[in-house]
Protein backbone atom coordinates (compact mmCIF):
# COMPACT_ATOMS: atom_id res chain seq x y z
CA UNK A 1 65.49 21.75 40.42
CA UNK A 2 61.43 20.83 41.08
CA UNK A 3 59.49 23.61 39.76
CA UNK A 4 56.81 24.44 41.92
CA UNK A 5 54.67 27.27 41.82
CA UNK A 6 53.57 27.81 45.44
CA UNK A 7 56.64 26.58 47.55
CA UNK A 8 54.95 28.49 50.75
CA UNK A 9 51.87 26.91 50.57
CA UNK A 10 53.72 23.37 50.21
CA UNK A 11 56.06 24.74 53.41
CA UNK A 12 53.07 24.53 55.38
CA UNK A 13 52.02 20.76 54.93
CA UNK A 14 52.95 18.60 57.69
CA UNK A 15 55.62 16.14 56.09
CA UNK A 16 56.49 13.67 54.73
CA UNK A 17 53.81 13.79 51.75
CA UNK A 18 53.89 12.88 47.81
CA UNK A 19 53.06 15.50 45.48
CA UNK A 20 51.92 15.26 42.19
CA UNK A 21 52.79 17.43 39.28
CA UNK A 22 49.34 17.49 37.89
CA UNK A 23 50.28 19.78 34.90
CA UNK A 24 53.25 17.27 33.93
CA UNK A 25 50.98 13.93 34.61
CA UNK A 26 48.78 15.18 32.13
CA UNK A 27 51.55 16.29 29.60
CA UNK A 28 52.81 12.82 29.85
CA UNK A 29 49.66 11.36 29.43
CA UNK A 30 48.74 13.25 26.52
CA UNK A 31 51.79 12.49 24.65
CA UNK A 32 51.12 8.90 25.10
CA UNK A 33 47.97 8.92 23.51
CA UNK A 34 49.36 11.02 20.86
CA UNK A 35 52.34 8.32 20.26
CA UNK A 36 50.18 5.21 20.70
CA UNK A 37 47.56 6.30 18.16
CA UNK A 38 50.75 7.24 15.73
CA UNK A 39 51.80 3.73 15.78
CA UNK A 40 48.62 2.09 16.44
CA UNK A 41 49.37 0.67 19.68
CA UNK A 42 47.11 0.09 22.59
CA UNK A 43 48.10 1.15 26.03
CA UNK A 44 47.43 -0.39 29.07
CA UNK A 45 48.55 1.13 32.21
CA UNK A 46 50.32 -1.39 34.83
CA UNK A 47 48.33 -0.23 37.67
CA UNK A 48 51.14 -1.66 40.00
CA UNK A 49 53.11 1.73 39.58
CA UNK A 50 50.59 3.57 41.26
CA UNK A 51 47.12 2.93 42.14
CA UNK A 52 45.61 6.15 43.67
CA UNK A 53 41.86 6.51 42.52
CA UNK A 54 42.15 10.03 40.91
CA UNK A 55 45.12 9.34 38.68
CA UNK A 56 43.39 6.15 37.83
CA UNK A 57 40.49 8.09 36.59
CA UNK A 58 42.77 10.54 34.88
CA UNK A 59 44.32 7.43 33.09
CA UNK A 60 40.85 5.90 32.25
CA UNK A 61 39.88 8.98 30.78
CA UNK A 62 42.50 8.55 28.43
CA UNK A 63 40.87 5.43 26.92
CA UNK A 64 43.66 3.04 28.28
CA UNK A 65 43.26 -0.08 29.44
CA UNK A 66 44.18 -1.26 32.95
CA UNK A 67 46.99 -3.94 33.47
CA UNK A 68 46.58 -5.81 36.83
CA UNK A 69 48.30 -8.07 39.14
CA UNK A 70 45.60 -8.47 41.66
CA UNK A 71 41.70 -8.82 42.27
CA UNK A 72 41.81 -5.84 44.09
CA UNK A 73 43.70 -3.86 41.57
CA UNK A 74 40.81 -5.09 38.91
CA UNK A 75 37.77 -4.24 41.08
CA UNK A 76 39.39 -0.94 41.81
CA UNK A 77 40.48 -0.22 37.84
CA UNK A 78 36.62 -1.39 37.18
CA UNK A 79 35.27 1.06 40.02
CA UNK A 80 37.78 4.22 38.56
CA UNK A 81 36.34 3.93 34.84
CA UNK A 82 38.36 1.46 32.89
CA UNK A 83 36.01 -0.73 30.95
CA UNK A 84 35.91 -4.36 31.45
CA UNK A 85 36.86 -5.58 28.28
CA UNK A 86 40.44 -3.18 28.64
CA UNK A 87 41.29 -5.01 31.82
CA UNK A 88 43.87 -7.54 31.62
CA UNK A 89 44.61 -9.67 35.06
CA UNK A 90 48.27 -11.08 35.05
CA UNK A 91 50.35 -12.54 37.95
CA UNK A 92 51.56 -16.06 38.91
CA UNK A 93 49.25 -16.61 42.02
CA UNK A 94 45.65 -15.95 41.20
CA UNK A 95 43.51 -16.70 44.04
CA UNK A 96 40.43 -18.68 43.05
CA UNK A 97 38.30 -15.56 44.63
CA UNK A 98 40.26 -13.57 42.47
CA UNK A 99 39.56 -15.26 39.37
CA UNK A 100 35.91 -15.82 40.28
CA UNK A 101 35.16 -11.97 40.78
CA UNK A 102 37.21 -11.24 37.53
CA UNK A 103 34.81 -13.51 35.25
CA UNK A 104 32.01 -11.91 36.97
CA UNK A 105 33.47 -8.83 35.80
CA UNK A 106 34.05 -9.77 32.69
CA UNK A 107 37.83 -8.77 32.16
CA UNK A 108 39.10 -8.71 28.70
CA UNK A 109 41.52 -11.36 29.48
CA UNK A 110 43.58 -13.39 31.74
CA UNK A 111 47.23 -13.77 31.13
CA UNK A 112 47.94 -17.04 32.29
CA UNK A 113 51.17 -18.18 34.04
CA UNK A 114 51.12 -21.69 34.26
CA UNK A 115 49.39 -24.71 32.91
CA UNK A 116 47.38 -25.42 35.72
CA UNK A 117 45.96 -21.77 35.97
CA UNK A 118 44.67 -22.67 32.50
CA UNK A 119 42.61 -25.56 33.75
CA UNK A 120 41.42 -23.67 37.21
CA UNK A 121 40.17 -20.83 35.30
CA UNK A 122 38.54 -22.84 32.74
CA UNK A 123 36.90 -25.14 35.39
CA UNK A 124 35.59 -22.03 37.15
CA UNK A 125 33.75 -20.36 33.72
CA UNK A 126 32.33 -23.44 33.39
CA UNK A 127 30.93 -23.72 36.79
CA UNK A 128 29.54 -20.18 36.34
CA UNK A 129 28.29 -21.04 32.60
CA UNK A 130 30.61 -18.26 30.85
CA UNK A 131 33.61 -18.44 28.67
CA UNK A 132 36.79 -17.10 29.79
CA UNK A 133 39.08 -14.81 28.05
CA UNK A 134 42.55 -16.22 28.53
CA UNK A 135 45.91 -15.10 26.83
CA UNK A 136 49.34 -16.69 27.78
CA UNK A 137 51.84 -15.26 29.43
CA UNK A 138 55.31 -16.52 27.87
CA UNK A 139 58.68 -16.29 29.07
CA UNK A 140 61.03 -15.50 26.30
CA UNK A 141 64.55 -15.97 28.34
CA UNK A 142 65.52 -12.65 27.48
CA UNK A 143 67.77 -10.49 29.95
CA UNK A 144 66.14 -7.05 30.20
CA UNK A 145 69.64 -5.72 31.18
CA UNK A 146 68.47 -4.25 34.44
CA UNK A 147 68.21 -4.97 38.53
CA UNK A 148 67.67 -8.49 38.93
CA UNK A 149 64.88 -7.89 41.26
CA UNK A 150 63.13 -6.58 38.66
CA UNK A 151 63.92 -8.87 35.75
CA UNK A 152 61.09 -11.00 34.71
CA UNK A 153 61.98 -12.64 31.50
CA UNK A 154 64.63 -15.45 32.41
CA UNK A 155 64.05 -19.15 32.57
CA UNK A 156 65.00 -18.56 36.08
CA UNK A 157 62.35 -16.11 36.87
CA UNK A 158 59.08 -17.45 38.13
CA UNK A 159 56.98 -15.50 35.49
CA UNK A 160 55.01 -16.75 32.68
CA UNK A 161 55.17 -20.20 30.62
CA UNK A 162 58.63 -21.50 29.55
CA UNK A 163 59.32 -23.27 26.39
CA UNK A 164 59.38 -26.69 27.39
CA UNK A 165 55.84 -26.19 28.25
CA UNK A 166 54.55 -24.45 24.88
CA UNK A 167 52.76 -27.92 23.64
CA UNK A 168 51.03 -28.52 26.85
CA UNK A 169 49.75 -25.45 26.95
CA UNK A 170 48.16 -25.45 23.29
CA UNK A 171 46.79 -28.86 24.28
CA UNK A 172 44.85 -27.49 27.55
CA UNK A 173 43.43 -24.48 25.22
CA UNK A 174 42.42 -26.69 22.63
CA UNK A 175 40.50 -28.78 24.94
CA UNK A 176 39.21 -26.53 27.39
CA UNK A 177 35.66 -25.89 26.36
CA UNK A 178 35.58 -22.54 28.68
CA UNK A 179 38.28 -20.91 27.52
CA UNK A 180 38.57 -18.64 24.74
CA UNK A 181 42.41 -18.07 23.13
CA UNK A 182 42.89 -14.37 23.13
CA UNK A 183 46.86 -13.96 22.56
CA UNK A 184 50.18 -13.91 23.97
CA UNK A 185 51.79 -11.90 26.74
CA UNK A 186 55.14 -10.88 27.29
CA UNK A 187 56.93 -8.72 30.09
CA UNK A 188 60.81 -8.89 30.38
CA UNK A 189 61.20 -6.68 33.25
CA UNK A 190 61.29 -3.07 34.71
CA UNK A 191 63.43 0.31 34.51
CA UNK A 192 64.65 -0.89 30.79
CA UNK A 193 66.94 1.97 29.30
CA UNK A 194 68.94 0.18 26.19
CA UNK A 195 65.41 0.49 24.10
CA UNK A 196 66.42 -0.19 20.92
CA UNK A 197 68.87 -3.55 21.95
CA UNK A 198 66.61 -5.01 24.24
CA UNK A 199 62.83 -4.46 22.88
CA UNK A 200 64.04 -5.45 19.14
CA UNK A 201 65.24 -8.46 20.56
CA UNK A 202 61.99 -8.79 22.53
CA UNK A 203 60.14 -8.54 19.06
CA UNK A 204 62.51 -11.15 17.25
CA UNK A 205 61.76 -13.66 20.08
CA UNK A 206 57.96 -12.52 19.87
CA UNK A 207 58.07 -13.01 16.12
CA UNK A 208 59.35 -16.66 16.58
CA UNK A 209 57.41 -17.52 19.58
CA UNK A 210 54.15 -16.53 17.68
CA UNK A 211 54.88 -18.12 14.49
CA UNK A 212 55.53 -21.43 16.97
CA UNK A 213 51.53 -21.43 18.01
CA UNK A 214 50.45 -20.15 14.79
CA UNK A 215 51.68 -23.09 12.92
CA UNK A 216 50.14 -25.59 15.82
CA UNK A 217 46.40 -23.77 15.21
CA UNK A 218 46.20 -20.87 18.17
CA UNK A 219 46.03 -17.61 16.30
CA UNK A 220 46.59 -14.89 18.58
CA UNK A 221 44.26 -11.61 18.08
CA UNK A 222 46.65 -9.75 20.28
CA UNK A 223 50.39 -9.42 20.88
CA UNK A 224 51.07 -7.85 24.33
CA UNK A 225 54.59 -6.71 24.20
CA UNK A 226 54.50 -5.72 28.31
CA UNK A 227 56.13 -2.49 29.49
CA UNK A 228 59.63 -1.82 31.44
CA UNK A 229 60.31 1.72 29.56
CA UNK A 230 62.75 3.28 32.21
CA UNK A 231 62.70 7.09 33.18
CA UNK A 232 65.78 9.09 34.16
CA UNK A 233 66.16 9.20 37.94
CA UNK A 234 69.19 11.08 37.93
CA UNK A 235 68.65 14.08 35.59
CA UNK A 236 64.37 13.98 36.08
CA UNK A 237 64.14 17.96 34.66
CA UNK A 238 65.85 16.91 31.55
CA UNK A 239 63.73 14.25 30.56
CA UNK A 240 60.22 14.36 32.47
CA UNK A 241 58.63 12.83 29.75
CA UNK A 242 59.80 9.03 28.51
CA UNK A 243 60.52 8.60 25.07
CA UNK A 244 57.60 6.76 24.19
CA UNK A 245 57.98 7.38 20.10
CA UNK A 246 61.63 5.54 20.61
CA UNK A 247 59.97 2.70 22.37
CA UNK A 248 56.76 2.11 20.09
CA UNK A 249 58.85 3.17 17.00
CA UNK A 250 60.99 -0.12 17.86
CA UNK A 251 58.39 -2.14 18.50
CA UNK A 252 56.78 -1.19 15.12
CA UNK A 253 59.67 -1.42 13.15
CA UNK A 254 60.65 -4.77 14.76
CA UNK A 255 57.29 -6.74 15.45
CA UNK A 256 55.76 -8.84 12.69
CA UNK A 257 51.98 -8.27 12.85
CA UNK A 258 49.26 -10.28 10.96
CA UNK A 259 46.25 -8.40 9.53
CA UNK A 260 43.60 -7.64 12.65
CA UNK A 261 46.51 -8.57 15.03
CA UNK A 262 46.12 -6.10 18.05
CA UNK A 263 49.69 -4.98 19.70
CA UNK A 264 49.52 -3.68 22.97
CA UNK A 265 52.34 -2.16 25.79
CA UNK A 266 51.60 -1.90 29.40
CA UNK A 267 53.73 1.18 30.65
CA UNK A 268 53.10 1.60 34.20
CA UNK A 269 56.50 3.68 35.58
CA UNK A 270 57.13 5.81 32.58
CA UNK A 271 53.61 7.17 32.68
CA UNK A 272 53.83 8.56 36.68
CA UNK A 273 57.21 8.42 38.04
CA UNK A 274 58.44 11.83 36.65
CA UNK A 275 55.31 13.65 38.17
CA UNK A 276 55.62 12.41 41.64
CA UNK A 277 58.37 13.88 44.70
CA UNK A 278 58.69 12.88 47.95
CA UNK A 279 58.57 15.98 50.36
CA UNK A 280 60.61 15.35 53.55
CA UNK A 281 61.98 17.64 56.45
CA UNK A 282 65.17 17.96 57.92
CA UNK A 283 65.33 16.72 61.36
CA UNK A 284 68.55 16.86 62.80
CA UNK A 285 72.11 17.54 61.48
CA UNK A 286 74.49 14.83 63.05
CA UNK A 287 78.25 14.86 62.41
CA UNK A 288 79.98 11.29 62.76
CA UNK A 289 83.78 10.32 62.83
CA UNK A 290 83.70 10.30 59.00
CA UNK A 291 80.30 11.61 57.39
CA UNK A 292 77.75 14.72 57.90
CA UNK A 293 74.35 13.10 58.31
CA UNK A 294 70.85 14.47 57.18
CA UNK A 295 68.38 12.86 59.11
CA UNK A 296 65.06 13.07 57.31
CA UNK A 297 61.44 12.72 58.69
CA UNK A 298 60.54 10.26 55.62
CA UNK A 299 61.86 6.90 55.56
CA UNK A 300 61.95 3.83 54.03
CA UNK A 301 58.57 2.88 54.79
CA UNK A 302 57.38 5.63 52.65
CA UNK A 303 59.73 5.04 49.69
CA UNK A 304 61.16 1.49 49.91
CA UNK A 305 63.29 1.72 46.16
CA UNK A 306 66.95 2.82 47.75
CA UNK A 307 66.88 0.38 50.28
CA UNK A 308 65.28 -2.88 48.54
CA UNK A 309 67.08 -2.17 44.99
CA UNK A 310 69.68 0.46 46.08
CA UNK A 311 67.88 2.48 43.78
CA UNK A 312 69.19 6.28 43.03
CA UNK A 313 66.64 9.14 43.88
CA UNK A 314 67.86 12.60 43.19
CA UNK A 315 67.50 14.94 46.13
CA UNK A 316 66.76 18.26 46.43
CA UNK A 317 67.18 21.33 49.18
CA UNK A 318 63.87 23.18 48.21
CA UNK A 319 64.25 25.55 51.18
CA UNK A 320 67.77 26.69 50.05
CA UNK A 321 67.08 26.93 46.75
CA UNK A 322 63.76 29.01 47.03
CA UNK A 323 64.11 30.87 50.50
CA UNK A 324 67.98 31.41 50.40
CA UNK A 325 69.01 31.22 46.59
CA UNK A 326 71.86 33.37 47.05
CA UNK A 327 73.78 30.59 49.23
CA UNK A 328 75.17 28.49 46.77
CA UNK A 329 77.74 26.11 49.05
CA UNK A 330 77.70 22.64 48.32
CA UNK A 331 78.04 20.11 51.36
CA UNK A 332 78.24 16.39 51.50
CA UNK A 333 75.83 14.91 53.19
CA UNK A 334 74.69 10.96 53.84
CA UNK A 335 70.87 11.61 53.66
CA UNK A 336 68.76 9.10 55.71
CA UNK A 337 65.38 8.00 57.45
CA UNK A 338 64.44 7.93 60.72
CA UNK A 339 63.23 4.34 60.26
CA UNK A 340 65.45 2.09 62.98
CA UNK A 341 66.92 0.06 60.27
CA UNK A 342 70.59 0.48 58.82
CA UNK A 343 69.68 0.27 55.38
CA UNK A 344 67.17 3.33 55.76
CA UNK A 345 69.53 5.54 53.68
CA UNK A 346 68.19 7.68 50.75
CA UNK A 347 71.86 8.66 49.33
CA UNK A 348 75.71 8.43 50.63
CA UNK A 349 77.96 11.44 50.04
CA UNK A 350 75.46 13.53 47.88
CA UNK A 351 76.25 17.19 47.40
CA UNK A 352 73.65 19.50 48.28
CA UNK A 353 73.26 22.99 49.18
CA UNK A 354 74.08 23.66 52.84
CA UNK A 355 71.33 22.56 55.11
CA UNK A 356 69.42 23.04 58.44
CA UNK A 357 67.13 21.64 60.54
CA UNK A 358 63.52 22.43 58.88
CA UNK A 359 64.57 22.58 55.50
CA UNK A 360 62.43 21.10 53.05
CA UNK A 361 63.94 18.34 50.75
CA UNK A 362 62.71 16.75 47.29
CA UNK A 363 63.06 13.09 46.77
CA UNK A 364 62.40 12.96 43.16
CA UNK A 365 60.75 10.45 40.53
CA UNK A 366 58.59 8.77 43.40
CA UNK A 367 55.42 8.59 41.78
CA UNK A 368 55.97 4.97 40.83
CA UNK A 369 56.42 2.27 43.06
CA UNK A 370 56.30 4.52 46.00
CA UNK A 371 53.04 5.28 47.60
CA UNK A 372 51.89 2.05 46.73
CA UNK A 373 54.88 0.30 48.00
CA UNK A 374 54.72 1.76 51.54
CA UNK A 375 53.96 0.14 54.97
CA UNK A 376 53.80 1.37 58.57
CA UNK A 377 56.79 0.08 59.73
CA UNK A 378 57.45 1.20 63.20
CA UNK A 379 54.05 2.25 63.51
CA UNK A 380 54.90 5.22 61.18
CA UNK A 381 52.09 6.99 59.43
CA UNK A 382 51.63 6.67 55.79
CA UNK A 383 52.38 9.85 53.69
CA UNK A 384 49.82 11.21 52.03
CA UNK A 385 49.56 12.52 48.36
CA UNK A 386 48.74 15.83 47.63
CA UNK A 387 48.06 17.09 43.96
CA UNK A 388 49.40 20.36 43.13
CA UNK A 389 46.02 21.80 42.20
CA UNK A 390 44.89 21.10 46.07
CA UNK A 391 47.81 22.11 47.94
CA UNK A 392 45.54 24.40 50.16
CA UNK A 393 43.39 21.65 51.35
CA UNK A 394 46.34 19.48 52.73
CA UNK A 395 46.88 18.87 56.87
CA UNK A 396 48.88 21.93 58.08
CA UNK A 397 52.31 21.73 60.11
CA UNK A 398 52.32 22.42 63.92
CA UNK A 399 54.31 24.24 65.56
CA UNK A 400 55.13 22.39 68.83
CA UNK A 401 57.23 25.51 70.03
CA UNK A 402 54.37 28.04 70.15
C-alpha cells in the first residue's frame, strides 16, 4: 500500500493529480549515484521519462547528464542545471532549428541516426564556424523482449544506423571537416526485465560493432549502452528501487572497454517511475449486466500507458485502507475513466477493497511516461504534480453540495 505521511492532506486536494514521493525519489537518485560510481559508468537521465523542472534540478544536482530527444528537452535541461557537455541529443528527426540551437549551446554530442543527418549537422556547424560533436546511434538488431511499441533495436524499427550503412557512415565522418567523432550509442528498448540475457547480448554485439569501427579508423571515446531498465509495476512496494547494481554489473562483466573509453547509460523510467502515483477519485459506481464499474475522474488523457500499450498499473483504494481499515471485503471491478473512448480503462476485473463514491484511489508506478504524455483531449484539465513536501500548497477540493 502506498505510504503517505498525510492522507488527510492529500484527501483535500482537487483530483486528479500526480503525487511524487520525494523521499523515494531522492533515495533512488542516491542509490544510482553510488552504483554508477562503483562501476565507473556515467549516467545520463532520459528526460522524456519525466521532464518536471524541479525533478530535473534534483537529477542534475547529482552530477548526472541529460539524454534528450527534442530541442526543447535540450533547452530545458540546460536551464535546469545540466552542463552543456553532459547533454546528449538523440532522435530520428532533429529539425534544423533544433540542431542550430543545440550547436549554439555546445552540447556534448548529437547521437546521429541517419547518414543524411550527419551531413546536415556538418553543413550547419560549418556555417557557424564551429565543430559539432557526434556519436553514431547504431541499430544492433537485438530483440529486447518487451512490448513492440517500445522496442527500438531491431532492423524493422526506425531508430539508428543499420549494418549495411556502417561503411558509408564511416566515410562521411572521416570526410566531414566540421564533425568530431565521439562514440557509438545503442538503445534496444524500454521496460526490459531480462537483465542478464538481454544486456549481456547487447554488450557482446557492441563489442563486435566497436571493433568493426575501430579497425576502420574510427576510435570511439564513448560507448553508450542506452537505457531500458524495467521496473516492477505489479509489486511496487516490494521493489521500489530498480536493481541498478545487477544492470551495471552485467555491463561491466560483458563489455570490452579500451583504455580511456567512457561507458554511459541512460536510465529514465527506472529513476522516476516508482516515486510517482496518479491520485484519482471515484465518481460513480455502475452495475452492468456482467461487470461492476468504478468510474474515476482520472482518464487516459492523464496517463495513456494502459490505453496505448495495455500496460498494467497497480490500483489501490487509499480511503478504504486509511479510513476504513477494518473493512477488508474485496470486490471485483472494471476500473475506468471518464474519457469518451472505450479504451479508457485502468484495469479489468481488479480485486479492490469495497469502494464508494468519493474514495481516493492510487494508480501506482506513474512517475515515468505519465504526466509528460498527458493531453487535453475532451478539453480536460492537465493533472498537476504535487510533491510530498508541498501537499499544503495544492489546489483544494471544492464541495459543491455546501
